[in-house]
Amino acid sequence: MTKDYLVLETVTRLARADGHLIIRLDLVFRADTGGLSGTRMERLYALHHEQHERFDVSTFGNLFENGLQMALAHKAPISVDLDQDDERETLNGYVRQIAKDHIVMEDFDDNANSYGEIHFDLASIVDVQWGTRDLKNLDF
């Protein structure tokens, strides 16, 4: 965890490794620990010998920007949730350009068809996700 962000390893409902999530800390309203559901998932995760891939993003400066720079450099598919006038919009695809606080991303549908380029401000990002099974389907 950094000052304004929380970095999580995510898992599927079947307790399979499913990437990483960076979320603004001010959006986290609840964290459950020690419950039956969490214990079950930990047990299944261990039984399946699941492991998350390394996720080395710099924690200096803006974590969203650092993660987007990493995605651009590695040509890695990502999912970005944006806050657009109190509505959430999800983009799945590739970062094409970063200029100051402006991001250009190519957005894809579930069948890997491009919707085209989307331009948005860094400040509108709610969370960024890497390495999920759905995003690996876009990896081409």
N, C-alpha and C. Protein backbone atom coordinates (compact mmCIF):
# COMPACT_ATOMS: atom_id res chain seq x y z
N MET A 1 0.85 -1.17 0.00
CA MET A 1 0.00 0.00 0.00
C MET A 1 0.89 1.23 0.00
N THR A 2 0.56 2.20 -0.82
CA THR A 2 1.23 3.49 -0.80
C THR A 2 0.29 4.50 -0.17
N LYS A 3 0.71 5.73 -0.12
CA LYS A 3 -0.04 6.77 0.58
C LYS A 3 -1.50 6.88 0.15
N ASP A 4 -1.78 6.91 -1.15
CA ASP A 4 -3.14 7.15 -1.62
C ASP A 4 -3.77 5.97 -2.35
N TYR A 5 -3.06 4.84 -2.42
CA TYR A 5 -3.53 3.71 -3.21
C TYR A 5 -3.39 2.41 -2.44
N LEU A 6 -4.16 1.43 -2.86
CA LEU A 6 -4.08 0.09 -2.32
C LEU A 6 -3.81 -0.84 -3.49
N VAL A 7 -2.80 -1.71 -3.38
CA VAL A 7 -2.48 -2.68 -4.42
C VAL A 7 -2.86 -4.05 -3.89
N LEU A 8 -3.69 -4.75 -4.66
CA LEU A 8 -4.20 -6.06 -4.24
C LEU A 8 -3.89 -7.12 -5.28
N GLU A 9 -3.64 -8.34 -4.81
CA GLU A 9 -3.64 -9.50 -5.69
C GLU A 9 -5.08 -9.99 -5.72
N THR A 10 -5.61 -10.22 -6.91
CA THR A 10 -7.00 -10.63 -7.02
C THR A 10 -7.09 -12.11 -7.35
N VAL A 11 -8.21 -12.72 -6.97
CA VAL A 11 -8.46 -14.13 -7.24
C VAL A 11 -9.87 -14.30 -7.79
N THR A 12 -10.08 -15.39 -8.53
CA THR A 12 -11.41 -15.71 -9.04
C THR A 12 -12.24 -16.32 -7.92
N ARG A 13 -13.49 -16.57 -8.20
CA ARG A 13 -14.36 -17.21 -7.19
C ARG A 13 -13.88 -18.61 -6.83
N LEU A 14 -13.15 -19.23 -7.74
CA LEU A 14 -12.62 -20.57 -7.48
C LEU A 14 -11.22 -20.51 -6.89
N ALA A 15 -10.84 -19.33 -6.41
CA ALA A 15 -9.56 -19.10 -5.74
C ALA A 15 -8.38 -19.35 -6.66
N ARG A 16 -8.50 -18.92 -7.90
CA ARG A 16 -7.39 -18.98 -8.85
C ARG A 16 -6.78 -17.58 -8.97
N ALA A 17 -5.47 -17.51 -9.11
CA ALA A 17 -4.80 -16.22 -9.26
C ALA A 17 -5.38 -15.47 -10.45
N ASP A 18 -5.70 -14.20 -10.25
CA ASP A 18 -6.35 -13.44 -11.33
C ASP A 18 -5.86 -12.01 -11.42
N GLY A 19 -4.56 -11.81 -11.30
CA GLY A 19 -4.00 -10.50 -11.57
C GLY A 19 -3.87 -9.61 -10.35
N HIS A 20 -3.71 -8.31 -10.65
CA HIS A 20 -3.49 -7.29 -9.64
C HIS A 20 -4.41 -6.10 -9.87
N LEU A 21 -4.75 -5.43 -8.79
CA LEU A 21 -5.63 -4.27 -8.84
C LEU A 21 -4.99 -3.14 -8.05
N ILE A 22 -4.97 -1.96 -8.66
CA ILE A 22 -4.60 -0.74 -7.93
C ILE A 22 -5.87 0.10 -7.85
N ILE A 23 -6.22 0.49 -6.63
CA ILE A 23 -7.44 1.26 -6.41
C ILE A 23 -7.13 2.44 -5.50
N ARG A 24 -7.84 3.54 -5.73
CA ARG A 24 -7.69 4.70 -4.85
C ARG A 24 -8.18 4.32 -3.46
N LEU A 25 -7.38 4.64 -2.46
CA LEU A 25 -7.67 4.27 -1.08
C LEU A 25 -8.97 4.90 -0.57
N ASP A 26 -9.30 6.10 -1.04
CA ASP A 26 -10.51 6.77 -0.57
C ASP A 26 -11.79 6.06 -1.04
N LEU A 27 -11.67 5.11 -1.96
CA LEU A 27 -12.84 4.37 -2.43
C LEU A 27 -13.08 3.06 -1.68
N VAL A 28 -12.10 2.66 -0.87
CA VAL A 28 -12.25 1.43 -0.08
C VAL A 28 -13.10 1.75 1.14
N PHE A 29 -14.23 1.04 1.26
CA PHE A 29 -15.13 1.32 2.38
C PHE A 29 -15.24 0.14 3.34
N ARG A 30 -14.64 -1.01 2.98
CA ARG A 30 -14.77 -2.17 3.86
C ARG A 30 -13.67 -3.18 3.54
N ALA A 31 -13.13 -3.81 4.58
CA ALA A 31 -12.16 -4.89 4.42
C ALA A 31 -12.51 -5.97 5.42
N ASP A 32 -12.75 -7.16 4.94
CA ASP A 32 -13.10 -8.29 5.80
C ASP A 32 -11.90 -9.21 5.94
N THR A 33 -11.64 -9.66 7.16
CA THR A 33 -10.56 -10.61 7.40
C THR A 33 -11.04 -11.68 8.35
N GLY A 34 -10.48 -12.87 8.23
CA GLY A 34 -10.75 -13.94 9.18
C GLY A 34 -12.10 -14.62 9.05
N GLY A 35 -12.89 -14.28 8.05
CA GLY A 35 -14.20 -14.91 7.89
C GLY A 35 -14.12 -16.26 7.20
N LEU A 36 -15.23 -16.97 7.17
CA LEU A 36 -15.28 -18.29 6.55
C LEU A 36 -14.97 -18.23 5.06
N SER A 37 -15.50 -17.23 4.38
CA SER A 37 -15.28 -17.09 2.94
C SER A 37 -13.80 -16.87 2.64
N GLY A 38 -13.16 -15.99 3.37
CA GLY A 38 -11.74 -15.71 3.17
C GLY A 38 -10.87 -16.91 3.49
N THR A 39 -11.20 -17.60 4.56
CA THR A 39 -10.45 -18.80 4.95
C THR A 39 -10.59 -19.88 3.89
N ARG A 40 -11.79 -20.06 3.35
CA ARG A 40 -12.03 -21.05 2.30
C ARG A 40 -11.21 -20.72 1.06
N MET A 41 -11.20 -19.43 0.67
CA MET A 41 -10.44 -19.02 -0.51
C MET A 41 -8.94 -19.22 -0.31
N GLU A 42 -8.43 -18.91 0.87
CA GLU A 42 -7.01 -19.13 1.16
C GLU A 42 -6.66 -20.61 1.06
N ARG A 43 -7.53 -21.46 1.58
CA ARG A 43 -7.30 -22.90 1.54
C ARG A 43 -7.30 -23.42 0.09
N LEU A 44 -8.30 -22.99 -0.69
CA LEU A 44 -8.36 -23.41 -2.10
C LEU A 44 -7.17 -22.90 -2.89
N TYR A 45 -6.77 -21.66 -2.63
CA TYR A 45 -5.62 -21.07 -3.31
C TYR A 45 -4.38 -21.93 -3.07
N ALA A 46 -4.18 -22.32 -1.82
CA ALA A 46 -3.03 -23.17 -1.47
C ALA A 46 -3.15 -24.56 -2.08
N LEU A 47 -4.35 -25.15 -2.05
CA LEU A 47 -4.55 -26.49 -2.60
C LEU A 47 -4.32 -26.54 -4.11
N HIS A 48 -4.66 -25.46 -4.81
CA HIS A 48 -4.47 -25.40 -6.25
C HIS A 48 -3.05 -24.98 -6.62
N HIS A 49 -2.20 -24.73 -5.60
CA HIS A 49 -0.82 -24.28 -5.82
C HIS A 49 -0.79 -23.03 -6.71
N GLU A 50 -1.72 -22.12 -6.43
CA GLU A 50 -1.81 -20.89 -7.22
C GLU A 50 -0.69 -19.93 -6.82
N GLN A 51 -0.29 -19.12 -7.78
CA GLN A 51 0.73 -18.12 -7.56
C GLN A 51 0.47 -16.93 -8.45
N HIS A 52 0.67 -15.74 -7.95
CA HIS A 52 0.54 -14.54 -8.76
C HIS A 52 1.86 -14.24 -9.44
N GLU A 53 1.77 -13.67 -10.66
CA GLU A 53 2.98 -13.23 -11.35
C GLU A 53 3.56 -12.04 -10.60
N ARG A 54 4.86 -11.80 -10.81
CA ARG A 54 5.50 -10.63 -10.20
C ARG A 54 4.85 -9.36 -10.73
N PHE A 55 4.77 -8.38 -9.86
CA PHE A 55 4.17 -7.10 -10.22
C PHE A 55 5.05 -6.01 -9.65
N ASP A 56 6.01 -5.57 -10.43
CA ASP A 56 6.99 -4.59 -9.97
C ASP A 56 6.70 -3.22 -10.55
N VAL A 57 5.89 -2.48 -9.85
CA VAL A 57 5.59 -1.11 -10.26
C VAL A 57 6.15 -0.16 -9.21
N SER A 58 6.74 0.92 -9.66
CA SER A 58 7.33 1.89 -8.74
C SER A 58 6.25 2.53 -7.88
N THR A 59 6.53 2.67 -6.61
CA THR A 59 5.58 3.29 -5.69
C THR A 59 5.90 4.77 -5.45
N PHE A 60 6.88 5.31 -6.17
CA PHE A 60 7.21 6.73 -6.06
C PHE A 60 6.35 7.51 -7.05
N GLY A 61 5.72 8.56 -6.57
CA GLY A 61 4.88 9.39 -7.43
C GLY A 61 3.47 8.82 -7.53
N ASN A 62 2.85 9.01 -8.67
CA ASN A 62 1.47 8.58 -8.89
C ASN A 62 1.45 7.12 -9.32
N LEU A 63 0.87 6.26 -8.51
CA LEU A 63 0.88 4.83 -8.77
C LEU A 63 0.10 4.47 -10.04
N PHE A 64 -1.00 5.17 -10.30
CA PHE A 64 -1.73 4.93 -11.55
C PHE A 64 -0.84 5.24 -12.76
N GLU A 65 -0.18 6.39 -12.72
CA GLU A 65 0.68 6.77 -13.85
C GLU A 65 1.82 5.78 -14.02
N ASN A 66 2.43 5.36 -12.91
CA ASN A 66 3.52 4.38 -12.98
C ASN A 66 3.03 3.06 -13.57
N GLY A 67 1.86 2.63 -13.17
CA GLY A 67 1.30 1.39 -13.71
C GLY A 67 0.98 1.50 -15.19
N LEU A 68 0.44 2.64 -15.60
CA LEU A 68 0.14 2.86 -17.02
C LEU A 68 1.42 2.91 -17.85
N GLN A 69 2.46 3.52 -17.29
CA GLN A 69 3.76 3.54 -17.98
C GLN A 69 4.30 2.11 -18.14
N MET A 70 4.13 1.30 -17.10
CA MET A 70 4.57 -0.10 -17.16
C MET A 70 3.78 -0.87 -18.23
N ALA A 71 2.47 -0.65 -18.28
CA ALA A 71 1.63 -1.32 -19.28
C ALA A 71 2.02 -0.89 -20.68
N LEU A 72 2.33 0.39 -20.86
CA LEU A 72 2.76 0.89 -22.16
C LEU A 72 4.09 0.25 -22.57
N ALA A 73 5.04 0.22 -21.66
CA ALA A 73 6.37 -0.32 -21.95
C ALA A 73 6.33 -1.82 -22.28
N HIS A 74 5.47 -2.57 -21.58
CA HIS A 74 5.39 -4.02 -21.78
C HIS A 74 4.30 -4.43 -22.77
N LYS A 75 3.59 -3.43 -23.33
CA LYS A 75 2.48 -3.70 -24.24
C LYS A 75 1.51 -4.72 -23.63
N ALA A 76 1.17 -4.47 -22.37
CA ALA A 76 0.31 -5.37 -21.60
C ALA A 76 -1.13 -4.86 -21.60
N PRO A 77 -2.10 -5.77 -21.80
CA PRO A 77 -3.50 -5.35 -21.71
C PRO A 77 -3.88 -5.03 -20.27
N ILE A 78 -4.70 -4.00 -20.11
CA ILE A 78 -5.16 -3.60 -18.79
C ILE A 78 -6.64 -3.28 -18.84
N SER A 79 -7.24 -3.19 -17.66
CA SER A 79 -8.61 -2.74 -17.50
C SER A 79 -8.58 -1.49 -16.64
N VAL A 80 -9.24 -0.43 -17.10
CA VAL A 80 -9.27 0.84 -16.37
C VAL A 80 -10.72 1.20 -16.11
N ASP A 81 -11.04 1.47 -14.85
CA ASP A 81 -12.36 2.01 -14.50
C ASP A 81 -12.22 3.51 -14.35
N LEU A 82 -13.11 4.23 -15.03
CA LEU A 82 -13.10 5.69 -14.99
C LEU A 82 -14.35 6.20 -14.29
N ASP A 83 -14.20 7.32 -13.59
CA ASP A 83 -15.33 8.01 -12.99
C ASP A 83 -15.73 9.12 -13.95
N GLN A 84 -16.84 8.92 -14.65
CA GLN A 84 -17.32 9.89 -15.64
C GLN A 84 -18.63 10.48 -15.14
N ASP A 85 -18.55 11.59 -14.45
CA ASP A 85 -19.75 12.25 -13.90
C ASP A 85 -20.58 11.30 -13.06
N ASP A 86 -19.94 10.68 -12.08
CA ASP A 86 -20.57 9.75 -11.14
C ASP A 86 -21.06 8.46 -11.78
N GLU A 87 -20.64 8.17 -12.98
CA GLU A 87 -20.91 6.88 -13.62
C GLU A 87 -19.58 6.21 -13.89
N ARG A 88 -19.53 4.90 -13.73
CA ARG A 88 -18.31 4.16 -14.00
C ARG A 88 -18.30 3.68 -15.44
N GLU A 89 -17.15 3.82 -16.07
CA GLU A 89 -16.95 3.30 -17.41
C GLU A 89 -15.70 2.42 -17.37
N THR A 90 -15.78 1.23 -17.93
CA THR A 90 -14.65 0.31 -17.95
C THR A 90 -14.08 0.21 -19.35
N LEU A 91 -12.77 0.37 -19.45
CA LEU A 91 -12.05 0.22 -20.71
C LEU A 91 -11.12 -0.99 -20.58
N ASN A 92 -11.07 -1.81 -21.60
CA ASN A 92 -10.18 -2.96 -21.64
C ASN A 92 -9.33 -2.85 -22.89
N GLY A 93 -8.02 -2.78 -22.72
CA GLY A 93 -7.19 -2.67 -23.90
C GLY A 93 -5.76 -2.28 -23.58
N TYR A 94 -5.19 -1.44 -24.46
CA TYR A 94 -3.77 -1.11 -24.39
C TYR A 94 -3.55 0.39 -24.30
N VAL A 95 -2.61 0.79 -23.47
CA VAL A 95 -2.21 2.19 -23.40
C VAL A 95 -1.39 2.47 -24.66
N ARG A 96 -1.76 3.53 -25.36
CA ARG A 96 -1.06 3.91 -26.59
C ARG A 96 -0.16 5.12 -26.40
N GLN A 97 -0.54 6.00 -25.43
CA GLN A 97 0.27 7.21 -25.23
C GLN A 97 -0.06 7.81 -23.87
N ILE A 98 0.96 8.40 -23.25
CA ILE A 98 0.79 9.14 -22.00
C ILE A 98 1.50 10.47 -22.16
N ALA A 99 0.76 11.56 -21.96
CA ALA A 99 1.33 12.90 -22.06
C ALA A 99 0.83 13.72 -20.89
N LYS A 100 1.73 14.05 -19.97
CA LYS A 100 1.38 14.75 -18.73
C LYS A 100 0.28 13.97 -18.02
N ASP A 101 -0.89 14.56 -17.86
CA ASP A 101 -1.99 13.88 -17.17
C ASP A 101 -3.04 13.36 -18.14
N HIS A 102 -2.67 13.21 -19.41
CA HIS A 102 -3.60 12.77 -20.45
C HIS A 102 -3.19 11.38 -20.95
N ILE A 103 -4.17 10.48 -21.02
CA ILE A 103 -3.92 9.09 -21.43
C ILE A 103 -4.69 8.80 -22.72
N VAL A 104 -4.05 8.08 -23.63
CA VAL A 104 -4.71 7.58 -24.82
C VAL A 104 -4.64 6.06 -24.74
N MET A 105 -5.81 5.43 -24.84
CA MET A 105 -5.90 3.99 -24.72
C MET A 105 -6.75 3.44 -25.84
N GLU A 106 -6.35 2.31 -26.42
CA GLU A 106 -7.19 1.64 -27.41
C GLU A 106 -8.08 0.65 -26.66
N ASP A 107 -9.37 0.80 -26.82
CA ASP A 107 -10.38 0.01 -26.10
C ASP A 107 -10.87 -1.14 -26.99
N PHE A 108 -11.03 -2.32 -26.41
CA PHE A 108 -11.46 -3.51 -27.14
C PHE A 108 -12.70 -4.12 -26.49
N ASP A 109 -13.52 -4.79 -27.31
CA ASP A 109 -14.65 -5.52 -26.76
C ASP A 109 -14.19 -6.93 -26.39
N ASP A 110 -15.12 -7.78 -25.92
CA ASP A 110 -14.78 -9.14 -25.49
C ASP A 110 -14.26 -10.02 -26.61
N ASN A 111 -14.54 -9.64 -27.86
CA ASN A 111 -14.08 -10.43 -29.01
C ASN A 111 -12.82 -9.85 -29.64
N ALA A 112 -12.15 -8.96 -28.92
CA ALA A 112 -10.91 -8.31 -29.36
C ALA A 112 -11.11 -7.43 -30.59
N ASN A 113 -12.30 -6.88 -30.74
CA ASN A 113 -12.55 -5.88 -31.79
C ASN A 113 -12.35 -4.50 -31.18
N SER A 114 -11.60 -3.66 -31.88
CA SER A 114 -11.27 -2.34 -31.35
C SER A 114 -12.45 -1.38 -31.47
N TYR A 115 -12.71 -0.66 -30.37
CA TYR A 115 -13.67 0.44 -30.39
C TYR A 115 -12.99 1.72 -30.86
N GLY A 116 -11.66 1.71 -30.94
CA GLY A 116 -10.89 2.89 -31.29
C GLY A 116 -10.17 3.45 -30.07
N GLU A 117 -9.59 4.61 -30.25
CA GLU A 117 -8.84 5.24 -29.17
C GLU A 117 -9.75 6.06 -28.27
N ILE A 118 -9.49 5.98 -26.98
CA ILE A 118 -10.22 6.73 -25.97
C ILE A 118 -9.21 7.65 -25.29
N HIS A 119 -9.55 8.91 -25.13
CA HIS A 119 -8.69 9.89 -24.46
C HIS A 119 -9.35 10.24 -23.12
N PHE A 120 -8.55 10.23 -22.05
CA PHE A 120 -9.09 10.58 -20.73
C PHE A 120 -7.99 11.14 -19.85
N ASP A 121 -8.41 11.80 -18.77
CA ASP A 121 -7.47 12.39 -17.82
C ASP A 121 -7.10 11.38 -16.75
N LEU A 122 -5.87 11.46 -16.30
CA LEU A 122 -5.37 10.59 -15.23
C LEU A 122 -6.25 10.70 -13.98
N ALA A 123 -6.73 11.89 -13.69
CA ALA A 123 -7.53 12.14 -12.48
C ALA A 123 -8.87 11.40 -12.50
N SER A 124 -9.34 10.96 -13.67
CA SER A 124 -10.64 10.28 -13.74
C SER A 124 -10.55 8.79 -13.45
N ILE A 125 -9.33 8.27 -13.24
CA ILE A 125 -9.16 6.82 -12.99
C ILE A 125 -9.59 6.47 -11.58
N VAL A 126 -10.40 5.43 -11.48
CA VAL A 126 -10.85 4.88 -10.20
C VAL A 126 -9.97 3.70 -9.81
N ASP A 127 -9.72 2.79 -10.77
CA ASP A 127 -8.83 1.67 -10.52
C ASP A 127 -8.26 1.15 -11.84
N VAL A 128 -7.17 0.39 -11.73
CA VAL A 128 -6.51 -0.22 -12.87
C VAL A 128 -6.22 -1.67 -12.52
N GLN A 129 -6.50 -2.57 -13.45
CA GLN A 129 -6.30 -3.99 -13.20
C GLN A 129 -5.42 -4.61 -14.28
N TRP A 130 -4.51 -5.50 -13.85
CA TRP A 130 -3.58 -6.20 -14.74
C TRP A 130 -3.68 -7.70 -14.53
N GLY A 131 -3.38 -8.44 -15.59
CA GLY A 131 -3.13 -9.87 -15.48
C GLY A 131 -4.34 -10.75 -15.23
N THR A 132 -5.55 -10.25 -15.40
CA THR A 132 -6.72 -11.11 -15.17
C THR A 132 -6.87 -12.10 -16.31
N ARG A 133 -7.61 -13.15 -16.08
CA ARG A 133 -7.84 -14.15 -17.12
C ARG A 133 -8.56 -13.55 -18.32
N ASP A 134 -9.49 -12.64 -18.09
CA ASP A 134 -10.19 -11.97 -19.19
C ASP A 134 -9.23 -11.12 -20.02
N LEU A 135 -8.33 -10.41 -19.36
CA LEU A 135 -7.38 -9.57 -20.09
C LEU A 135 -6.37 -10.41 -20.87
N LYS A 136 -6.05 -11.58 -20.37
CA LYS A 136 -5.12 -12.45 -21.10
C LYS A 136 -5.72 -12.90 -22.43
N ASN A 137 -7.05 -12.91 -22.52
CA ASN A 137 -7.70 -13.22 -23.79
C ASN A 137 -7.45 -12.14 -24.83
N LEU A 138 -7.19 -10.91 -24.38
CA LEU A 138 -6.90 -9.80 -25.29
C LEU A 138 -5.44 -9.75 -25.71
N ASP A 139 -4.60 -10.49 -25.00
CA ASP A 139 -3.15 -10.43 -25.21
C ASP A 139 -2.77 -11.02 -26.55
N PHE A 140 -2.54 -10.16 -27.52
CA PHE A 140 -2.16 -10.60 -28.85
C PHE A 140 -1.05 -9.75 -29.41
